[in-house]
Amino acid sequence: MTAKERVYTALRHEQPDKCPWHFDFTQVAHEKMAEYTGDPDFADKIGNHLHFVRPVRPDAWQEIAPDFWRDQFGVVWNRTIDKDIGNPDALIFPEPHLGDYQWPDPDDPLRWAHVAGEIEANRDKFVVIAIDFSLFERAWTMRGMENLFLDMIEHPQFVEDLLDAILEYNLGIIRNAARYPADAIYFGDDWGQQRGMLMGPILWRRFLKPRLQRQYQAVHETGKKVFIHSCGKVIEVFPDLIEIGLDCFNPFQPEVIDVYAAKREFGDRLSFFGGVSTQRLLPYGTPAEVKAEARRLMREIGKDGGYIIAPAHAIPKDAPPENMMALIEAVNEQ
């Protein structure tokens, strides 16, 4: 099987010849592995099954000061500590109204100029068009998280207006993505923390679920699969996500979700992508423990398909290279 065929088989809840895998690395982890292997291009050789394409303009990110980057929405990210993502440094909407803000154009030809070529170069992989910070996350990066939570109670119409504007942008991306032979659309949108949902299920169902349903329906109308990423303990809305058409859930974080129980309860209706601990196992386990857990995940959660093994987030900087190599070896030894 090709990587693409393997992923499609898994998403049909059928048993592929091997459990598909995909590993991302933080910048520091990548540097450590490049030094450990003596190969700066090691990541291109580990057999990843997915390829992510991001439809953004070449100038979508601009460094306006050392380690301060402005994104296409105008949000400035302070990356003086976290070099991979950073923290929003100022508010686009300091007050609860949209004003005359001009949203990025999803139809801009420059954001799509590289997409066809990138997909063609990775045609044997399962190609995913990614919308990062896609709804709730995009809203709070522009308004501030505390402000947005207060707005849900005190200014709900503003929240509706803000989310609707973000939704229209996302629908524009989906509409354009339909022109390309990608396999899925991926929405990054953390809703959870270690103990539960950030806004709770009631507010999630009021403000997010209807808009998520519109996004997922639009994706399915293009013939593509729906992938979402949400860190944290969000298992209480798994039935909702299945109801509105989610195909694959990531990152399947084992510190907050019993991944084996989740497979038993939801695995006939939902596929999972992730499951390898980045908070405990990869930083603090031994190579033998990493291999043993990876093999168990592939054997038990990968049974009858429905699983892409991956770290529960990009591999963190405190993971020893020996543990990273053990994970790579485990999937390639299938």
Protein backbone atom coordinates (compact mmCIF):
# COMPACT_ATOMS: atom_id res chain seq x y z
CA MET A 1 0.00 0.00 0.00
CA THR A 2 1.06 3.59 -0.56
CA ALA A 3 0.87 6.00 2.35
CA LYS A 4 -2.33 7.49 0.87
CA GLU A 5 -3.95 4.07 0.47
CA ARG A 6 -3.00 3.10 4.01
CA VAL A 7 -4.61 6.21 5.51
CA TYR A 8 -7.79 5.86 3.45
CA THR A 9 -8.08 2.21 4.50
CA ALA A 10 -7.72 3.18 8.15
CA LEU A 11 -10.31 5.96 7.81
CA ARG A 12 -12.76 3.40 6.38
CA HIS A 13 -12.26 1.44 9.62
CA GLU A 14 -10.60 -1.36 7.72
CA GLN A 15 -7.27 -2.99 8.59
CA PRO A 16 -4.36 -1.61 6.53
CA ASP A 17 -1.20 -3.63 6.01
CA LYS A 18 0.54 -1.31 8.48
CA CYS A 19 -0.73 1.28 10.94
CA PRO A 20 -0.10 4.69 9.30
CA TRP A 21 2.02 7.22 11.17
CA HIS A 22 2.95 10.90 11.19
CA PHE A 23 5.52 12.68 13.38
CA ASP A 24 6.09 16.43 13.77
CA PHE A 25 8.93 18.00 15.74
CA THR A 26 9.33 21.29 17.55
CA GLN A 27 12.29 23.32 16.32
CA VAL A 28 14.56 22.28 19.20
CA ALA A 29 13.57 18.60 18.92
CA HIS A 30 14.27 18.72 15.19
CA GLU A 31 17.70 20.23 15.82
CA LYS A 32 18.49 17.55 18.41
CA MET A 33 17.52 14.76 16.03
CA ALA A 34 19.45 16.29 13.14
CA GLU A 35 22.54 16.34 15.34
CA TYR A 36 21.87 12.83 16.68
CA THR A 37 21.41 11.31 13.23
CA GLY A 38 23.98 13.51 11.50
CA ASP A 39 21.31 14.25 8.90
CA PRO A 40 19.53 17.63 8.72
CA ASP A 41 17.01 16.03 6.33
CA PHE A 42 16.18 13.07 8.60
CA ALA A 43 12.50 14.06 8.86
CA ASP A 44 12.01 13.53 5.14
CA LYS A 45 13.09 9.90 5.53
CA ILE A 46 10.95 8.65 8.43
CA GLY A 47 8.01 7.62 6.26
CA ASN A 48 5.36 10.11 7.34
CA HIS A 49 2.00 9.28 5.76
CA LEU A 50 0.46 12.77 5.82
CA HIS A 51 1.53 15.97 4.14
CA PHE A 52 0.11 19.28 5.35
CA VAL A 53 -0.42 22.18 2.95
CA ARG A 54 -1.12 25.65 4.31
CA PRO A 55 -2.80 28.05 1.86
CA VAL A 56 -1.20 31.30 2.97
CA ARG A 57 0.61 34.04 1.09
CA PRO A 58 4.43 34.01 1.12
CA ASP A 59 4.30 37.23 3.15
CA ALA A 60 1.63 35.93 5.57
CA TRP A 61 4.13 36.06 8.44
CA GLN A 62 6.30 39.15 8.90
CA GLU A 63 8.94 39.61 11.60
CA ILE A 64 8.32 43.16 12.81
CA ALA A 65 10.92 42.99 15.63
CA PRO A 66 13.30 40.26 16.81
CA ASP A 67 11.09 37.22 17.64
CA PHE A 68 7.86 39.20 17.16
CA TRP A 69 5.86 38.02 14.15
CA ARG A 70 2.66 39.44 12.66
CA ASP A 71 0.31 36.92 11.01
CA GLN A 72 -2.14 37.45 8.15
CA PHE A 73 -4.91 38.47 10.58
CA GLY A 74 -2.75 41.18 12.11
CA VAL A 75 -2.09 39.28 15.35
CA VAL A 76 1.45 39.84 16.66
CA TRP A 77 3.03 36.74 18.22
CA ASN A 78 5.76 37.01 20.85
CA ARG A 79 8.14 34.13 20.18
CA THR A 80 10.90 35.16 22.55
CA ILE A 81 10.24 31.99 24.61
CA ASP A 82 8.16 29.66 22.43
CA LYS A 83 9.85 29.67 19.03
CA ASP A 84 7.20 27.45 17.42
CA ILE A 85 3.94 29.30 18.17
CA GLY A 86 4.38 32.09 20.71
CA ASN A 87 1.80 34.20 22.52
CA PRO A 88 -0.44 36.96 21.14
CA ASP A 89 1.04 40.30 22.12
CA ALA A 90 -1.87 42.70 21.58
CA LEU A 91 -5.60 42.71 20.84
CA ILE A 92 -7.11 43.24 17.40
CA PHE A 93 -10.50 43.87 19.07
CA PRO A 94 -9.92 45.62 22.40
CA GLU A 95 -13.66 46.34 22.59
CA PRO A 96 -16.56 43.99 21.79
CA HIS A 97 -17.28 45.19 18.26
CA LEU A 98 -15.75 44.41 14.88
CA GLY A 99 -15.48 48.00 13.69
CA ASP A 100 -14.03 48.38 10.19
CA TYR A 101 -11.61 45.45 10.43
CA GLN A 102 -10.68 44.04 7.01
CA TRP A 103 -10.54 40.24 6.95
CA PRO A 104 -7.94 38.36 4.88
CA ASP A 105 -9.12 37.31 1.45
CA PRO A 106 -9.54 33.51 1.09
CA ASP A 107 -9.69 33.95 -2.70
CA ASP A 108 -6.32 35.72 -2.95
CA PRO A 109 -4.45 33.89 -5.76
CA LEU A 110 -1.12 34.37 -3.98
CA ARG A 111 -2.23 32.18 -1.06
CA TRP A 112 -2.99 29.34 -3.49
CA ALA A 113 -0.05 29.74 -5.88
CA HIS A 114 2.04 26.96 -4.31
CA VAL A 115 -0.76 24.51 -3.52
CA ALA A 116 -1.06 22.55 -6.78
CA GLY A 117 2.67 21.97 -7.03
CA GLU A 118 3.00 20.94 -3.41
CA ILE A 119 0.15 18.46 -3.71
CA GLU A 120 1.62 16.99 -6.90
CA ALA A 121 5.02 16.58 -5.22
CA ASN A 122 3.35 14.58 -2.42
CA ARG A 123 0.72 12.69 -4.39
CA ASP A 124 1.57 9.33 -2.77
CA LYS A 125 0.83 10.78 0.67
CA PHE A 126 -2.49 11.68 2.26
CA VAL A 127 -2.60 15.43 1.64
CA VAL A 128 -4.26 17.66 4.22
CA ILE A 129 -5.07 21.34 3.70
CA ALA A 130 -4.70 22.94 7.12
CA ILE A 131 -6.58 25.87 8.63
CA ASP A 132 -4.68 26.68 11.81
CA PHE A 133 -6.34 28.58 14.67
CA SER A 134 -9.57 27.97 12.84
CA LEU A 135 -12.53 29.21 14.91
CA PHE A 136 -12.45 29.55 18.71
CA GLU A 137 -8.67 29.90 18.64
CA ARG A 138 -8.79 32.55 15.95
CA ALA A 139 -11.43 34.43 17.94
CA TRP A 140 -9.51 34.49 21.21
CA THR A 141 -6.20 35.41 19.57
CA MET A 142 -7.92 38.52 18.22
CA ARG A 143 -10.05 39.41 21.24
CA GLY A 144 -8.14 37.85 24.15
CA MET A 145 -9.17 34.63 25.85
CA GLU A 146 -10.50 36.13 29.09
CA ASN A 147 -12.38 38.81 27.17
CA LEU A 148 -13.94 36.23 24.87
CA PHE A 149 -15.16 34.12 27.78
CA LEU A 150 -16.73 37.20 29.39
CA ASP A 151 -18.24 38.17 26.03
CA MET A 152 -19.99 34.79 25.83
CA ILE A 153 -22.03 35.93 28.84
CA GLU A 154 -22.05 39.72 28.58
CA HIS A 155 -21.82 40.34 24.82
CA PRO A 156 -23.07 37.16 23.12
CA GLN A 157 -24.06 38.97 19.92
CA PHE A 158 -20.49 40.15 19.46
CA VAL A 159 -19.29 36.56 19.86
CA GLU A 160 -21.82 35.45 17.24
CA ASP A 161 -20.66 38.19 14.86
CA LEU A 162 -16.97 37.44 15.40
CA LEU A 163 -17.37 33.69 14.93
CA ASP A 164 -19.57 34.21 11.86
CA ALA A 165 -16.90 36.40 10.26
CA ILE A 166 -14.25 33.74 10.93
CA LEU A 167 -16.61 31.07 9.62
CA GLU A 168 -17.07 32.94 6.34
CA TYR A 169 -13.31 33.11 5.90
CA ASN A 170 -13.02 29.35 6.60
CA LEU A 171 -15.82 28.57 4.14
CA GLY A 172 -13.93 30.59 1.54
CA ILE A 173 -10.82 28.47 2.14
CA ILE A 174 -12.89 25.29 1.83
CA ARG A 175 -14.51 26.55 -1.36
CA ASN A 176 -11.11 27.20 -2.92
CA ALA A 177 -9.67 23.92 -1.63
CA ALA A 178 -12.32 22.05 -3.61
CA ARG A 179 -10.31 22.83 -6.76
CA TYR A 180 -7.37 20.74 -5.58
CA PRO A 181 -6.91 16.96 -5.19
CA ALA A 182 -6.22 17.08 -1.47
CA ASP A 183 -7.69 14.38 0.74
CA ALA A 184 -8.79 16.25 3.87
CA ILE A 185 -9.25 19.62 5.53
CA TYR A 186 -7.73 20.00 8.99
CA PHE A 187 -9.03 22.52 11.55
CA GLY A 188 -6.78 23.48 14.46
CA ASP A 189 -8.94 24.66 17.36
CA ASP A 190 -8.04 23.80 20.99
CA TRP A 191 -11.15 23.64 23.18
CA GLY A 192 -9.75 21.85 26.21
CA GLN A 193 -7.28 21.82 29.05
CA GLN A 194 -6.11 19.05 31.36
CA ARG A 195 -9.35 18.82 33.36
CA GLY A 196 -12.06 19.60 30.85
CA MET A 197 -13.32 22.03 28.26
CA LEU A 198 -12.21 25.64 28.46
CA MET A 199 -15.70 27.06 27.91
CA GLY A 200 -17.66 24.00 29.04
CA PRO A 201 -19.96 21.91 26.83
CA ILE A 202 -22.98 24.22 27.09
CA LEU A 203 -21.24 27.25 25.62
CA TRP A 204 -19.38 25.03 23.14
CA ARG A 205 -22.70 23.72 21.86
CA ARG A 206 -24.17 27.21 21.65
CA PHE A 207 -21.37 29.09 19.94
CA LEU A 208 -19.15 26.52 18.23
CA LYS A 209 -21.10 23.41 17.32
CA PRO A 210 -23.44 25.00 14.72
CA ARG A 211 -20.52 26.64 12.94
CA LEU A 212 -18.41 23.50 13.10
CA GLN A 213 -21.29 21.62 11.51
CA ARG A 214 -21.38 24.09 8.62
CA GLN A 215 -17.64 23.73 8.10
CA TYR A 216 -17.72 19.92 8.19
CA GLN A 217 -20.68 19.79 5.81
CA ALA A 218 -18.89 22.11 3.39
CA VAL A 219 -15.81 19.88 3.49
CA HIS A 220 -17.81 16.72 2.87
CA GLU A 221 -19.53 18.39 -0.08
CA THR A 222 -16.07 18.66 -1.70
CA GLY A 223 -15.51 14.92 -1.19
CA LYS A 224 -12.78 15.42 1.40
CA LYS A 225 -12.39 14.14 4.97
CA VAL A 226 -12.62 16.30 8.10
CA PHE A 227 -9.73 16.29 10.59
CA ILE A 228 -9.74 18.40 13.73
CA HIS A 229 -7.11 19.12 16.35
CA SER A 230 -8.17 19.96 19.88
CA CYS A 231 -5.84 19.55 22.82
CA GLY A 232 -7.28 18.81 26.23
CA LYS A 233 -10.02 16.75 27.79
CA VAL A 234 -12.86 17.17 25.29
CA ILE A 235 -14.17 13.61 25.19
CA GLU A 236 -17.59 14.75 26.46
CA VAL A 237 -18.31 16.26 23.04
CA PHE A 238 -17.18 13.24 21.02
CA PRO A 239 -20.83 12.26 20.42
CA ASP A 240 -21.51 15.79 19.14
CA LEU A 241 -18.50 15.66 16.83
CA ILE A 242 -19.60 12.30 15.44
CA GLU A 243 -23.12 13.69 14.96
CA ILE A 244 -21.89 16.65 12.88
CA GLY A 245 -19.63 14.56 10.69
CA LEU A 246 -16.09 14.54 12.07
CA ASP A 247 -13.92 11.85 10.47
CA CYS A 248 -10.67 12.00 12.48
CA PHE A 249 -9.80 13.46 15.89
CA ASN A 250 -6.33 14.68 16.87
CA PRO A 251 -4.24 14.78 19.10
CA PHE A 252 -5.88 12.02 21.18
CA GLN A 253 -3.95 13.09 24.27
CA PRO A 254 -3.41 10.10 26.62
CA GLU A 255 -2.83 12.24 29.71
CA VAL A 256 -6.45 13.43 29.60
CA ILE A 257 -8.26 10.77 27.54
CA ASP A 258 -8.15 7.02 28.14
CA VAL A 259 -7.25 6.30 24.54
CA TYR A 260 -7.96 2.58 24.78
CA ALA A 261 -11.41 3.14 26.28
CA ALA A 262 -12.15 5.83 23.69
CA LYS A 263 -11.32 3.40 20.90
CA ARG A 264 -13.68 0.81 22.38
CA GLU A 265 -16.53 3.31 22.78
CA PHE A 266 -16.18 5.46 19.66
CA GLY A 267 -13.80 3.60 17.35
CA ASP A 268 -16.48 2.27 15.03
CA ARG A 269 -17.63 5.83 14.22
CA LEU A 270 -14.54 8.00 14.67
CA SER A 271 -10.89 7.68 13.69
CA PHE A 272 -8.04 8.87 15.87
CA PHE A 273 -4.70 10.54 15.09
CA GLY A 274 -2.13 10.84 17.88
CA GLY A 275 -2.07 8.95 21.15
CA VAL A 276 1.68 8.91 21.98
CA SER A 277 2.34 10.79 25.21
CA THR A 278 4.39 13.97 24.83
CA GLN A 279 4.01 14.98 28.48
CA ARG A 280 5.33 11.79 30.06
CA LEU A 281 6.44 8.98 27.78
CA LEU A 282 8.56 10.76 25.18
CA PRO A 283 10.34 13.13 27.60
CA TYR A 284 10.71 10.79 30.60
CA GLY A 285 10.34 7.20 29.40
CA THR A 286 13.04 4.88 28.17
CA PRO A 287 13.50 3.85 24.54
CA ALA A 288 12.20 0.38 25.46
CA GLU A 289 9.08 1.90 27.05
CA VAL A 290 8.49 4.11 23.99
CA LYS A 291 8.69 1.10 21.69
CA ALA A 292 6.45 -1.02 23.89
CA GLU A 293 3.71 1.64 24.09
CA ALA A 294 3.90 2.40 20.36
CA ARG A 295 3.49 -1.29 19.59
CA ARG A 296 0.54 -1.57 21.95
CA LEU A 297 -1.15 1.48 20.41
CA MET A 298 -0.75 0.09 16.91
CA ARG A 299 -1.89 -3.37 17.99
CA GLU A 300 -4.94 -2.37 20.05
CA ILE A 301 -6.11 1.01 18.76
CA GLY A 302 -4.96 0.25 15.22
CA LYS A 303 -6.97 -2.98 15.14
CA ASP A 304 -9.61 -2.79 12.39
CA GLY A 305 -8.23 0.57 11.27
CA GLY A 306 -9.38 3.95 12.50
CA TYR A 307 -5.95 5.02 13.74
CA ILE A 308 -2.92 7.08 12.67
CA ILE A 309 -0.21 6.78 15.30
CA ALA A 310 1.47 10.08 16.17
CA PRO A 311 2.73 12.06 19.14
CA ALA A 312 -0.05 13.94 20.92
CA HIS A 313 1.62 17.14 19.73
CA ALA A 314 4.82 18.09 17.95
CA ILE A 315 7.61 16.21 19.76
CA PRO A 316 8.80 18.55 22.55
CA LYS A 317 12.31 19.83 23.08
CA ASP A 318 12.82 17.79 26.26
CA ALA A 319 12.39 14.42 24.52
CA PRO A 320 15.74 12.60 24.29
CA PRO A 321 16.75 11.77 20.71
CA GLU A 322 16.99 8.10 21.73
CA ASN A 323 13.25 8.15 22.50
CA MET A 324 12.42 9.88 19.24
CA MET A 325 14.43 7.27 17.37
CA ALA A 326 12.70 4.47 19.26
CA LEU A 327 9.31 5.75 18.07
CA ILE A 328 10.53 6.02 14.48
CA GLU A 329 11.93 2.50 14.65
CA ALA A 330 8.76 1.06 16.18
CA VAL A 331 6.52 2.17 13.31
CA ASN A 332 9.01 1.20 10.63
CA GLU A 333 9.44 -2.25 12.13
CA GLN A 334 5.80 -3.19 11.50
